[in-house]
């Protein structure tokens, strides 16, 4: 199991969640809880596809490393918040 940092953005009725360490892994939800639950499912599916291609799932970066990432810093400057989600099924 690994805990990944997630960027959450949006407003009531339309939240988005992005996993910066898993390119293309995103989810949407009407509530924060729904977006976080959705991104946990998306992470599992993303990892299964990556592993199915014989590739390794990247290790999660530290909060400091993510904050130093230009794309993450820009999202935070635009109002996104950090959260976390657990990847349970990756080997």
C-alpha atoms as a PDB file:
ATOM      1  CA  UNK A   1       0.000   0.000   0.000  1.00  0.00           C
ATOM      2  CA  UNK A   2       1.171   3.487  -0.814  1.00  0.00           C
ATOM      3  CA  UNK A   3      -0.283   6.867   0.027  1.00  0.00           C
ATOM      4  CA  UNK A   4      -0.304   9.349  -2.857  1.00  0.00           C
ATOM      5  CA  UNK A   5      -0.893  13.071  -2.681  1.00  0.00           C
ATOM      6  CA  UNK A   6      -3.916  14.277  -4.627  1.00  0.00           C
ATOM      7  CA  UNK A   7      -4.774  17.767  -5.877  1.00  0.00           C
ATOM      8  CA  UNK A   8      -8.419  18.684  -5.309  1.00  0.00           C
ATOM      9  CA  UNK A   9     -10.012  21.658  -7.022  1.00  0.00           C
ATOM     10  CA  UNK A  10     -13.488  22.933  -7.757  1.00  0.00           C
ATOM     11  CA  UNK A  11     -16.573  23.987  -5.921  1.00  0.00           C
ATOM     12  CA  UNK A  12     -19.751  22.452  -4.548  1.00  0.00           C
ATOM     13  CA  UNK A  13     -21.268  20.257  -7.224  1.00  0.00           C
ATOM     14  CA  UNK A  14     -18.103  19.977  -9.330  1.00  0.00           C
ATOM     15  CA  UNK A  15     -14.869  18.800  -7.725  1.00  0.00           C
ATOM     16  CA  UNK A  16     -11.910  17.339  -9.558  1.00  0.00           C
ATOM     17  CA  UNK A  17      -9.087  15.212  -8.212  1.00  0.00           C
ATOM     18  CA  UNK A  18      -5.711  14.677  -9.913  1.00  0.00           C
ATOM     19  CA  UNK A  19      -2.835  12.409  -8.862  1.00  0.00           C
ATOM     20  CA  UNK A  20       0.351  14.212  -9.974  1.00  0.00           C
ATOM     21  CA  UNK A  21       2.481  11.054  -9.649  1.00  0.00           C
ATOM     22  CA  UNK A  22       0.119   9.091 -11.909  1.00  0.00           C
ATOM     23  CA  UNK A  23      -0.138  11.020 -15.205  1.00  0.00           C
ATOM     24  CA  UNK A  24      -3.701  11.055 -16.489  1.00  0.00           C
ATOM     25  CA  UNK A  25      -5.200   9.669 -13.278  1.00  0.00           C
ATOM     26  CA  UNK A  26      -8.168  11.893 -12.481  1.00  0.00           C
ATOM     27  CA  UNK A  27     -11.679  11.747 -11.062  1.00  0.00           C
ATOM     28  CA  UNK A  28     -14.667  14.024 -10.605  1.00  0.00           C
ATOM     29  CA  UNK A  29     -17.374  14.214  -7.971  1.00  0.00           C
ATOM     30  CA  UNK A  30     -20.288  16.337  -6.816  1.00  0.00           C
ATOM     31  CA  UNK A  31     -18.761  16.455  -3.341  1.00  0.00           C
ATOM     32  CA  UNK A  32     -15.223  16.338  -1.970  1.00  0.00           C
ATOM     33  CA  UNK A  33     -15.886  12.865  -0.582  1.00  0.00           C
ATOM     34  CA  UNK A  34     -17.121  11.644  -3.966  1.00  0.00           C
ATOM     35  CA  UNK A  35     -14.079  13.061  -5.764  1.00  0.00           C
ATOM     36  CA  UNK A  36     -11.693  11.439  -3.282  1.00  0.00           C
ATOM     37  CA  UNK A  37     -13.537   8.109  -3.462  1.00  0.00           C
ATOM     38  CA  UNK A  38     -13.495   8.328  -7.250  1.00  0.00           C
ATOM     39  CA  UNK A  39      -9.793   9.059  -7.395  1.00  0.00           C
ATOM     40  CA  UNK A  40      -9.063   6.055  -5.182  1.00  0.00           C
ATOM     41  CA  UNK A  41     -10.871   3.860  -7.736  1.00  0.00           C
ATOM     42  CA  UNK A  42      -9.102   5.629 -10.620  1.00  0.00           C
ATOM     43  CA  UNK A  43      -5.735   5.022  -8.949  1.00  0.00           C
ATOM     44  CA  UNK A  44      -6.435   1.301  -8.678  1.00  0.00           C
ATOM     45  CA  UNK A  45      -7.487   1.116 -12.338  1.00  0.00           C
ATOM     46  CA  UNK A  46      -4.479   3.220 -13.431  1.00  0.00           C
ATOM     47  CA  UNK A  47      -2.076   0.972 -11.531  1.00  0.00           C
ATOM     48  CA  UNK A  48      -3.627  -2.180 -13.002  1.00  0.00           C
ATOM     49  CA  UNK A  49      -3.148  -0.846 -16.546  1.00  0.00           C
ATOM     50  CA  UNK A  50       0.451   0.189 -15.873  1.00  0.00           C
ATOM     51  CA  UNK A  51       1.306  -3.146 -14.262  1.00  0.00           C
ATOM     52  CA  UNK A  52      -0.501  -4.981 -17.065  1.00  0.00           C
ATOM     53  CA  UNK A  53       1.954  -3.389 -19.508  1.00  0.00           C
ATOM     54  CA  UNK A  54       4.810  -4.731 -17.382  1.00  0.00           C
ATOM     55  CA  UNK A  55       5.725  -1.299 -16.034  1.00  0.00           C
ATOM     56  CA  UNK A  56       6.210  -0.278 -12.424  1.00  0.00           C
ATOM     57  CA  UNK A  57       3.842   2.092 -10.664  1.00  0.00           C
ATOM     58  CA  UNK A  58       5.874   5.160  -9.715  1.00  0.00           C
ATOM     59  CA  UNK A  59       6.547   5.722  -6.041  1.00  0.00           C
ATOM     60  CA  UNK A  60       4.761   8.692  -4.509  1.00  0.00           C
ATOM     61  CA  UNK A  61       6.828  11.857  -4.153  1.00  0.00           C
ATOM     62  CA  UNK A  62       7.086  13.745  -0.891  1.00  0.00           C
ATOM     63  CA  UNK A  63       4.927  16.807  -0.287  1.00  0.00           C
ATOM     64  CA  UNK A  64       8.055  18.981  -0.586  1.00  0.00           C
ATOM     65  CA  UNK A  65       8.926  17.464  -3.964  1.00  0.00           C
ATOM     66  CA  UNK A  66       5.370  17.966  -5.209  1.00  0.00           C
ATOM     67  CA  UNK A  67       5.289  21.582  -4.060  1.00  0.00           C
ATOM     68  CA  UNK A  68       8.536  22.139  -6.010  1.00  0.00           C
ATOM     69  CA  UNK A  69       6.887  20.791  -9.191  1.00  0.00           C
ATOM     70  CA  UNK A  70       5.906  23.759 -11.405  1.00  0.00           C
ATOM     71  CA  UNK A  71       2.532  22.274 -12.429  1.00  0.00           C
ATOM     72  CA  UNK A  72       1.581  21.437  -8.859  1.00  0.00           C
ATOM     73  CA  UNK A  73       2.729  24.862  -7.628  1.00  0.00           C
ATOM     74  CA  UNK A  74       0.598  26.539 -10.320  1.00  0.00           C
ATOM     75  CA  UNK A  75      -2.459  24.480  -9.363  1.00  0.00           C
ATOM     76  CA  UNK A  76      -1.974  25.367  -5.690  1.00  0.00           C
ATOM     77  CA  UNK A  77      -1.584  29.041  -6.601  1.00  0.00           C
ATOM     78  CA  UNK A  78      -4.893  28.793  -8.491  1.00  0.00           C
ATOM     79  CA  UNK A  79      -6.664  27.446  -5.399  1.00  0.00           C
ATOM     80  CA  UNK A  80      -6.228  23.672  -5.516  1.00  0.00           C
ATOM     81  CA  UNK A  81      -5.790  21.879  -2.192  1.00  0.00           C
ATOM     82  CA  UNK A  82      -3.728  18.840  -1.272  1.00  0.00           C
ATOM     83  CA  UNK A  83      -5.283  15.646   0.019  1.00  0.00           C
ATOM     84  CA  UNK A  84      -4.187  12.022  -0.018  1.00  0.00           C
ATOM     85  CA  UNK A  85      -5.479   8.685  -1.169  1.00  0.00           C
ATOM     86  CA  UNK A  86      -4.295   5.146  -0.556  1.00  0.00           C
ATOM     87  CA  UNK A  87      -3.391   2.816  -3.401  1.00  0.00           C
ATOM     88  CA  UNK A  88      -4.238  -0.622  -2.081  1.00  0.00           C
ATOM     89  CA  UNK A  89      -3.954  -3.094  -4.953  1.00  0.00           C
ATOM     90  CA  UNK A  90      -0.574  -2.310  -6.539  1.00  0.00           C
ATOM     91  CA  UNK A  91       2.118  -4.881  -6.007  1.00  0.00           C
END
